[in-house]
Amino acid sequence: MQFMDFKENLKEFAIFSLNDIRKIEADFDLRRLSEWQAKGYIKMIRSGYYIFSDLELSESVLFLIANKIYSPSYISFEMAFSHYGLIPEAVYGITSATSQKTNRFKTDFGEFIYCHLKPDLMFGYTLVLCQTHHFKIAEIEKALIDYFYINSHLKSENDFAEIRFNSEEFKLKANKEKLNKYLEVFGSKSLSQRVNKFLTYIKYA
């Protein structure tokens, strides 16, 4: 297969995998991928996952990449906070929840960080359209719960102050009933206490 034919077949993909390639040509010669990388036509994100070199990167495209290279997963924790305007600082890595083991991948496009949640806690995310695909990102209420779930050391007002959380933005966007319903699913008394203590701290009653 010539590169232009290859690109036409995969033009709808922001990121494509070896499985995607084999769906269009079962006996595809993988040596072509190395050749096209050397020529600067494509770039490898991590083993088995690629993008076209002319792809314009944006936050949404990076979220698509994060979902794809380690699945199932969805954007959550600090990256979701940043997306929703809840913290002032830029986030170092693209953080996601996954039912796979905790992992991270350092790439030329940034660091992709994944924290493990039990499979029955992989809920509370929404699908957002990006180009012809959707990326998964935690709803604002679930991002908060996920964050306190994996950061069990955050208990005091000093801890809460260091988050530099935009409480006014959260109050505008969050739904208290949904948040409480999601907390019940976790079934953790200590988590509920810490989250509710934080909600009291930001005066979200």
Protein backbone atom coordinates (compact mmCIF):
# COMPACT_ATOMS: atom_id res chain seq x y z
CA MET A 1 0.00 0.00 0.00
CA GLN A 2 1.27 3.45 -0.92
CA PHE A 3 1.35 6.08 1.81
CA MET A 4 -1.30 8.30 0.21
CA ASP A 5 -3.70 5.34 0.04
CA PHE A 6 -2.84 4.47 3.63
CA LYS A 7 -3.53 8.03 4.78
CA GLU A 8 -6.80 8.20 2.86
CA ASN A 9 -8.01 5.00 4.52
CA LEU A 10 -7.18 6.33 7.98
CA LYS A 11 -7.99 10.00 7.45
CA GLU A 12 -10.79 9.95 10.03
CA PHE A 13 -8.43 8.75 12.77
CA ALA A 14 -6.66 11.26 15.02
CA ILE A 15 -4.61 8.32 16.27
CA PHE A 16 -4.43 4.83 14.81
CA SER A 17 -3.20 1.48 16.07
CA LEU A 18 -1.85 -1.67 14.49
CA ASN A 19 -5.31 -3.17 14.88
CA ASP A 20 -6.81 -0.26 12.92
CA ILE A 21 -4.24 -0.79 10.17
CA ARG A 22 -4.91 -4.53 9.94
CA LYS A 23 -8.63 -3.85 9.54
CA ILE A 24 -7.91 -2.13 6.24
CA GLU A 25 -5.11 -4.49 5.14
CA ALA A 26 -4.73 -7.76 7.02
CA ASP A 27 -1.25 -8.53 5.67
CA PHE A 28 0.13 -4.98 5.96
CA ASP A 29 3.95 -4.92 5.98
CA LEU A 30 4.88 -3.34 9.31
CA ARG A 31 8.27 -2.32 7.92
CA ARG A 32 6.44 0.46 6.10
CA LEU A 33 5.69 2.11 9.44
CA SER A 34 9.40 2.43 10.23
CA GLU A 35 10.02 3.72 6.71
CA TRP A 36 7.27 6.35 7.00
CA GLN A 37 8.52 7.41 10.43
CA ALA A 38 12.00 7.92 9.00
CA LYS A 39 10.53 10.06 6.22
CA GLY A 40 8.56 12.11 8.74
CA TYR A 41 5.13 11.05 7.49
CA ILE A 42 3.97 9.55 10.78
CA LYS A 43 4.99 9.68 14.45
CA MET A 44 4.77 6.95 17.06
CA ILE A 45 3.08 7.86 20.34
CA ARG A 46 3.88 4.57 22.06
CA SER A 47 4.47 1.09 20.73
CA GLY A 48 1.65 0.21 18.36
CA TYR A 49 0.04 3.68 18.25
CA TYR A 50 0.68 6.39 15.67
CA ILE A 51 -0.47 9.78 14.39
CA PHE A 52 0.10 11.51 11.07
CA SER A 53 2.84 14.12 11.37
CA ASP A 54 0.63 16.92 10.05
CA LEU A 55 -2.01 16.38 12.73
CA GLU A 56 -2.73 19.63 14.56
CA LEU A 57 -2.49 18.91 18.26
CA SER A 58 -5.01 20.45 20.66
CA GLU A 59 -6.27 19.61 24.11
CA SER A 60 -9.13 17.60 22.59
CA VAL A 61 -6.80 15.63 20.30
CA LEU A 62 -4.51 14.86 23.24
CA PHE A 63 -7.54 13.62 25.16
CA LEU A 64 -8.42 11.32 22.25
CA ILE A 65 -4.86 10.03 22.27
CA ALA A 66 -4.98 9.46 26.05
CA ASN A 67 -8.20 7.44 25.72
CA LYS A 68 -6.83 5.36 22.86
CA ILE A 69 -3.33 4.38 23.98
CA TYR A 70 -4.46 2.84 27.28
CA SER A 71 -8.01 1.60 27.27
CA PRO A 72 -10.46 1.57 28.92
CA SER A 73 -9.75 4.99 30.35
CA TYR A 74 -11.20 8.47 30.64
CA ILE A 75 -9.72 11.89 31.46
CA SER A 76 -10.04 12.70 35.17
CA PHE A 77 -8.23 14.09 38.24
CA GLU A 78 -6.09 17.22 37.69
CA MET A 79 -6.50 17.27 33.92
CA ALA A 80 -10.27 17.31 34.27
CA PHE A 81 -9.96 20.07 36.90
CA SER A 82 -7.95 22.13 34.42
CA HIS A 83 -10.44 21.45 31.61
CA TYR A 84 -13.31 22.68 33.77
CA GLY A 85 -11.41 25.76 34.96
CA LEU A 86 -11.16 24.54 38.56
CA ILE A 87 -7.42 25.05 39.07
CA PRO A 88 -5.23 27.93 37.87
CA GLU A 89 -2.04 26.09 36.98
CA ALA A 90 -1.29 24.16 33.82
CA VAL A 91 -1.24 20.43 34.51
CA TYR A 92 2.08 18.63 34.09
CA GLY A 93 0.63 15.45 32.56
CA ILE A 94 -2.62 14.26 31.04
CA THR A 95 -4.24 12.34 33.88
CA SER A 96 -6.77 9.57 33.36
CA ALA A 97 -8.65 6.92 35.28
CA THR A 98 -8.34 3.34 34.05
CA SER A 99 -9.47 -0.11 35.10
CA GLN A 100 -6.06 -1.38 34.00
CA LYS A 101 -3.05 -1.13 36.31
CA THR A 102 -1.63 2.29 37.18
CA ASN A 103 0.79 3.34 34.45
CA ARG A 104 2.41 6.29 32.70
CA PHE A 105 3.89 6.92 29.28
CA LYS A 106 6.42 9.65 28.55
CA THR A 107 6.11 10.71 24.92
CA ASP A 108 7.19 13.52 22.64
CA PHE A 109 3.68 14.92 23.07
CA GLY A 110 3.63 14.98 26.86
CA GLU A 111 3.25 12.51 29.69
CA PHE A 112 0.14 10.37 29.89
CA ILE A 113 -0.62 9.29 33.46
CA TYR A 114 -3.16 6.60 34.39
CA CYS A 115 -4.44 5.75 37.87
CA HIS A 116 -6.28 2.53 38.59
CA LEU A 117 -9.93 2.43 39.60
CA LYS A 118 -11.88 -0.75 40.17
CA PRO A 119 -13.97 -1.63 37.09
CA ASP A 120 -17.24 -0.86 38.91
CA LEU A 121 -15.97 2.69 39.58
CA MET A 122 -15.41 3.44 35.89
CA PHE A 123 -18.53 5.54 35.46
CA GLY A 124 -19.55 9.18 35.57
CA TYR A 125 -17.84 10.31 32.38
CA THR A 126 -19.24 12.05 29.35
CA LEU A 127 -18.46 11.77 25.64
CA VAL A 128 -17.24 14.92 23.91
CA LEU A 129 -17.07 15.17 20.12
CA CYS A 130 -13.64 15.84 18.62
CA GLN A 131 -13.41 15.71 14.83
CA THR A 132 -15.26 12.48 13.97
CA HIS A 133 -14.59 10.72 17.27
CA HIS A 134 -15.47 11.23 20.93
CA PHE A 135 -13.18 11.43 23.93
CA LYS A 136 -14.24 10.40 27.41
CA ILE A 137 -13.84 12.81 30.30
CA ALA A 138 -15.12 12.63 33.87
CA GLU A 139 -18.09 14.77 34.72
CA ILE A 140 -17.13 17.55 37.09
CA GLU A 141 -18.63 15.76 40.13
CA LYS A 142 -16.89 12.46 39.30
CA ALA A 143 -13.53 14.15 38.69
CA LEU A 144 -13.67 15.55 42.23
CA ILE A 145 -14.54 12.18 43.78
CA ASP A 146 -11.91 10.37 41.70
CA TYR A 147 -9.31 12.90 42.82
CA PHE A 148 -10.02 12.43 46.53
CA TYR A 149 -10.27 8.66 46.06
CA ILE A 150 -6.69 8.36 44.80
CA ASN A 151 -5.36 11.13 47.08
CA SER A 152 -6.44 9.67 50.39
CA HIS A 153 -3.85 11.79 52.23
CA LEU A 154 -5.82 14.99 51.57
CA LYS A 155 -7.70 15.55 54.81
CA SER A 156 -6.98 18.96 56.31
CA GLU A 157 -7.84 22.52 55.38
CA ASN A 158 -4.15 23.11 54.66
CA ASP A 159 -4.29 20.22 52.16
CA PHE A 160 -7.40 21.72 50.57
CA ALA A 161 -5.83 25.18 50.33
CA GLU A 162 -2.89 23.78 48.36
CA ILE A 163 -5.24 22.55 45.62
CA ARG A 164 -6.10 26.20 44.83
CA PHE A 165 -9.56 25.08 43.81
CA ASN A 166 -11.92 27.50 42.03
CA SER A 167 -14.94 27.04 44.26
CA GLU A 168 -17.10 29.58 42.42
CA GLU A 169 -16.64 27.77 39.11
CA PHE A 170 -17.45 24.46 40.78
CA LYS A 171 -20.61 25.88 42.34
CA LEU A 172 -21.78 27.07 38.94
CA LYS A 173 -21.20 23.76 37.18
CA ALA A 174 -21.66 20.99 39.76
CA ASN A 175 -24.82 19.14 40.80
CA LYS A 176 -24.93 18.25 44.51
CA GLU A 177 -27.50 15.48 44.06
CA LYS A 178 -25.40 13.80 41.38
CA LEU A 179 -22.26 14.15 43.49
CA ASN A 180 -23.91 12.46 46.47
CA LYS A 181 -25.26 9.68 44.27
CA TYR A 182 -21.80 9.01 42.87
CA LEU A 183 -20.29 9.02 46.37
CA GLU A 184 -22.77 6.32 47.43
CA VAL A 185 -21.52 4.05 44.64
CA PHE A 186 -17.98 4.19 46.07
CA GLY A 187 -19.33 2.92 49.37
CA SER A 188 -16.48 4.41 51.40
CA LYS A 189 -17.28 6.21 54.63
CA SER A 190 -13.82 7.76 54.88
CA LEU A 191 -13.97 9.02 51.28
CA SER A 192 -17.40 10.54 51.87
CA GLN A 193 -16.15 12.27 55.01
CA ARG A 194 -13.15 13.76 53.24
CA VAL A 195 -15.18 14.92 50.23
CA ASN A 196 -17.85 16.45 52.45
CA LYS A 197 -15.21 18.16 54.57
CA PHE A 198 -13.78 19.64 51.39
CA LEU A 199 -17.25 20.75 50.22
CA THR A 200 -17.74 22.49 53.57
CA TYR A 201 -14.32 24.14 53.14
CA ILE A 202 -15.31 25.59 49.74
CA LYS A 203 -18.75 26.50 51.15
CA TYR A 204 -20.64 24.21 48.78
CA ALA A 205 -23.71 23.28 50.81
